[in-house]
């Protein structure tokens, strides 16, 4: 996320566009940022994915909670609620993001 934050702060156009999207979604600065709203913000999602793409990776997998109804991963069915380790490289290929509580 350091690379992502640096990229946003370095490029004023990206910063302004991201700030505008966030303010539109959360006009009240005291309002809690909820995951369901955040994941629907297209520019924020693009900024995060680009930051992950440009990053040097992590030394351990990141935990992801399987969504409601479970999902199939690499040909194996994993039930909902199970924490599944996933690398940043695999994360980039996901069509829909999973919960990040893991």
C-alpha atoms as a PDB file:
ATOM      1  CA  UNK A   1       0.000   0.000   0.000  1.00  0.00           C
ATOM      2  CA  UNK A   2       3.008   2.274   0.386  1.00  0.00           C
ATOM      3  CA  UNK A   3       3.535   2.228  -3.372  1.00  0.00           C
ATOM      4  CA  UNK A   4      -0.166   2.958  -3.897  1.00  0.00           C
ATOM      5  CA  UNK A   5      -0.153   5.893  -1.456  1.00  0.00           C
ATOM      6  CA  UNK A   6       3.036   7.287  -2.982  1.00  0.00           C
ATOM      7  CA  UNK A   7       1.561   7.102  -6.484  1.00  0.00           C
ATOM      8  CA  UNK A   8      -1.606   8.918  -5.413  1.00  0.00           C
ATOM      9  CA  UNK A   9       0.249  11.652  -3.549  1.00  0.00           C
ATOM     10  CA  UNK A  10       2.811  12.128  -6.324  1.00  0.00           C
ATOM     11  CA  UNK A  11       0.220  12.608  -9.080  1.00  0.00           C
ATOM     12  CA  UNK A  12      -2.128  15.518  -8.370  1.00  0.00           C
ATOM     13  CA  UNK A  13      -4.631  14.473 -11.054  1.00  0.00           C
ATOM     14  CA  UNK A  14      -4.989  11.011  -9.516  1.00  0.00           C
ATOM     15  CA  UNK A  15      -5.253  12.515  -6.032  1.00  0.00           C
ATOM     16  CA  UNK A  16      -7.983  14.969  -7.087  1.00  0.00           C
ATOM     17  CA  UNK A  17     -10.012  12.332  -8.936  1.00  0.00           C
ATOM     18  CA  UNK A  18      -9.768   9.833  -6.063  1.00  0.00           C
ATOM     19  CA  UNK A  19     -10.644  12.505  -3.492  1.00  0.00           C
ATOM     20  CA  UNK A  20     -13.667  13.586  -5.561  1.00  0.00           C
ATOM     21  CA  UNK A  21     -14.926   9.975  -5.766  1.00  0.00           C
ATOM     22  CA  UNK A  22     -14.442   9.423  -2.026  1.00  0.00           C
ATOM     23  CA  UNK A  23     -16.151  12.704  -1.087  1.00  0.00           C
ATOM     24  CA  UNK A  24     -19.109  11.859  -3.321  1.00  0.00           C
ATOM     25  CA  UNK A  25     -19.482   8.474  -1.618  1.00  0.00           C
ATOM     26  CA  UNK A  26     -18.808   9.781   1.916  1.00  0.00           C
ATOM     27  CA  UNK A  27     -19.785  13.484   2.111  1.00  0.00           C
ATOM     28  CA  UNK A  28     -19.811  13.427   5.925  1.00  0.00           C
ATOM     29  CA  UNK A  29     -16.176  13.293   7.172  1.00  0.00           C
ATOM     30  CA  UNK A  30     -17.317  11.675  10.426  1.00  0.00           C
ATOM     31  CA  UNK A  31     -19.097   8.854   8.574  1.00  0.00           C
ATOM     32  CA  UNK A  32     -17.483   5.426   8.881  1.00  0.00           C
ATOM     33  CA  UNK A  33     -16.044   4.083   5.628  1.00  0.00           C
ATOM     34  CA  UNK A  34     -17.806   0.791   5.025  1.00  0.00           C
ATOM     35  CA  UNK A  35     -16.384  -1.949   2.843  1.00  0.00           C
ATOM     36  CA  UNK A  36     -19.539  -2.484   0.779  1.00  0.00           C
ATOM     37  CA  UNK A  37     -19.517   1.128  -0.390  1.00  0.00           C
ATOM     38  CA  UNK A  38     -15.744   1.267  -0.877  1.00  0.00           C
ATOM     39  CA  UNK A  39     -15.664  -1.841  -3.065  1.00  0.00           C
ATOM     40  CA  UNK A  40     -18.186  -0.244  -5.456  1.00  0.00           C
ATOM     41  CA  UNK A  41     -15.983   2.788  -6.139  1.00  0.00           C
ATOM     42  CA  UNK A  42     -14.437   2.130  -9.563  1.00  0.00           C
ATOM     43  CA  UNK A  43     -11.572   4.614  -9.404  1.00  0.00           C
ATOM     44  CA  UNK A  44     -10.539   3.562  -5.897  1.00  0.00           C
ATOM     45  CA  UNK A  45     -10.541  -0.071  -7.052  1.00  0.00           C
ATOM     46  CA  UNK A  46      -8.415   0.834 -10.071  1.00  0.00           C
ATOM     47  CA  UNK A  47      -5.932   2.766  -7.910  1.00  0.00           C
ATOM     48  CA  UNK A  48      -5.581  -0.151  -5.487  1.00  0.00           C
ATOM     49  CA  UNK A  49      -5.173  -2.717  -8.272  1.00  0.00           C
ATOM     50  CA  UNK A  50      -2.547  -0.568  -9.982  1.00  0.00           C
ATOM     51  CA  UNK A  51      -0.718  -0.155  -6.673  1.00  0.00           C
ATOM     52  CA  UNK A  52      -0.710  -3.937  -6.208  1.00  0.00           C
ATOM     53  CA  UNK A  53       0.433  -4.459  -9.793  1.00  0.00           C
ATOM     54  CA  UNK A  54       3.349  -2.074  -9.314  1.00  0.00           C
ATOM     55  CA  UNK A  55       4.318  -3.324  -5.869  1.00  0.00           C
ATOM     56  CA  UNK A  56       7.137  -5.724  -5.157  1.00  0.00           C
ATOM     57  CA  UNK A  57       4.844  -8.166  -3.362  1.00  0.00           C
ATOM     58  CA  UNK A  58       4.766  -9.593   0.122  1.00  0.00           C
ATOM     59  CA  UNK A  59       6.580 -12.540   1.682  1.00  0.00           C
ATOM     60  CA  UNK A  60       3.411 -14.246   2.885  1.00  0.00           C
ATOM     61  CA  UNK A  61      -0.096 -14.817   1.493  1.00  0.00           C
ATOM     62  CA  UNK A  62      -2.942 -12.499   2.435  1.00  0.00           C
ATOM     63  CA  UNK A  63      -6.042 -14.021   4.073  1.00  0.00           C
ATOM     64  CA  UNK A  64      -9.353 -13.718   2.231  1.00  0.00           C
ATOM     65  CA  UNK A  65     -12.723 -14.815   3.610  1.00  0.00           C
ATOM     66  CA  UNK A  66     -14.746 -16.803   1.090  1.00  0.00           C
ATOM     67  CA  UNK A  67     -17.916 -14.954   0.035  1.00  0.00           C
ATOM     68  CA  UNK A  68     -21.486 -16.082   0.679  1.00  0.00           C
ATOM     69  CA  UNK A  69     -22.177 -19.312  -1.171  1.00  0.00           C
ATOM     70  CA  UNK A  70     -18.475 -20.186  -1.320  1.00  0.00           C
ATOM     71  CA  UNK A  71     -16.361 -20.087  -4.452  1.00  0.00           C
ATOM     72  CA  UNK A  72     -14.192 -22.262  -6.643  1.00  0.00           C
ATOM     73  CA  UNK A  73     -10.485 -21.521  -6.571  1.00  0.00           C
ATOM     74  CA  UNK A  74      -8.013 -23.318  -8.849  1.00  0.00           C
ATOM     75  CA  UNK A  75     -10.631 -26.006  -9.433  1.00  0.00           C
ATOM     76  CA  UNK A  76     -11.414 -26.612  -5.746  1.00  0.00           C
ATOM     77  CA  UNK A  77     -14.655 -25.596  -4.034  1.00  0.00           C
ATOM     78  CA  UNK A  78     -14.112 -23.636  -0.810  1.00  0.00           C
ATOM     79  CA  UNK A  79     -17.170 -23.056   1.452  1.00  0.00           C
ATOM     80  CA  UNK A  80     -18.263 -19.590   2.548  1.00  0.00           C
ATOM     81  CA  UNK A  81     -16.591 -18.153   5.638  1.00  0.00           C
ATOM     82  CA  UNK A  82     -13.350 -20.103   5.206  1.00  0.00           C
ATOM     83  CA  UNK A  83     -10.163 -18.008   5.318  1.00  0.00           C
ATOM     84  CA  UNK A  84      -8.159 -18.808   2.202  1.00  0.00           C
ATOM     85  CA  UNK A  85      -4.568 -17.572   1.772  1.00  0.00           C
ATOM     86  CA  UNK A  86      -4.020 -15.790  -1.521  1.00  0.00           C
ATOM     87  CA  UNK A  87      -0.961 -14.099  -2.958  1.00  0.00           C
ATOM     88  CA  UNK A  88      -1.078 -10.578  -4.406  1.00  0.00           C
ATOM     89  CA  UNK A  89      -0.504 -12.105  -7.852  1.00  0.00           C
ATOM     90  CA  UNK A  90      -3.604 -14.292  -7.512  1.00  0.00           C
ATOM     91  CA  UNK A  91      -5.538 -11.351  -6.067  1.00  0.00           C
ATOM     92  CA  UNK A  92      -5.023  -9.439  -9.315  1.00  0.00           C
ATOM     93  CA  UNK A  93      -6.873 -12.132 -11.266  1.00  0.00           C
ATOM     94  CA  UNK A  94     -10.050 -12.046  -9.162  1.00  0.00           C
ATOM     95  CA  UNK A  95     -13.203 -10.854 -10.855  1.00  0.00           C
ATOM     96  CA  UNK A  96     -14.842  -9.885  -7.556  1.00  0.00           C
ATOM     97  CA  UNK A  97     -13.017  -8.909  -4.353  1.00  0.00           C
ATOM     98  CA  UNK A  98     -13.473 -10.981  -1.232  1.00  0.00           C
ATOM     99  CA  UNK A  99     -13.738  -9.819   2.340  1.00  0.00           C
ATOM    100  CA  UNK A 100     -10.350  -8.749   3.752  1.00  0.00           C
ATOM    101  CA  UNK A 101     -10.970  -9.637   7.407  1.00  0.00           C
ATOM    102  CA  UNK A 102      -8.717 -12.694   7.211  1.00  0.00           C
END
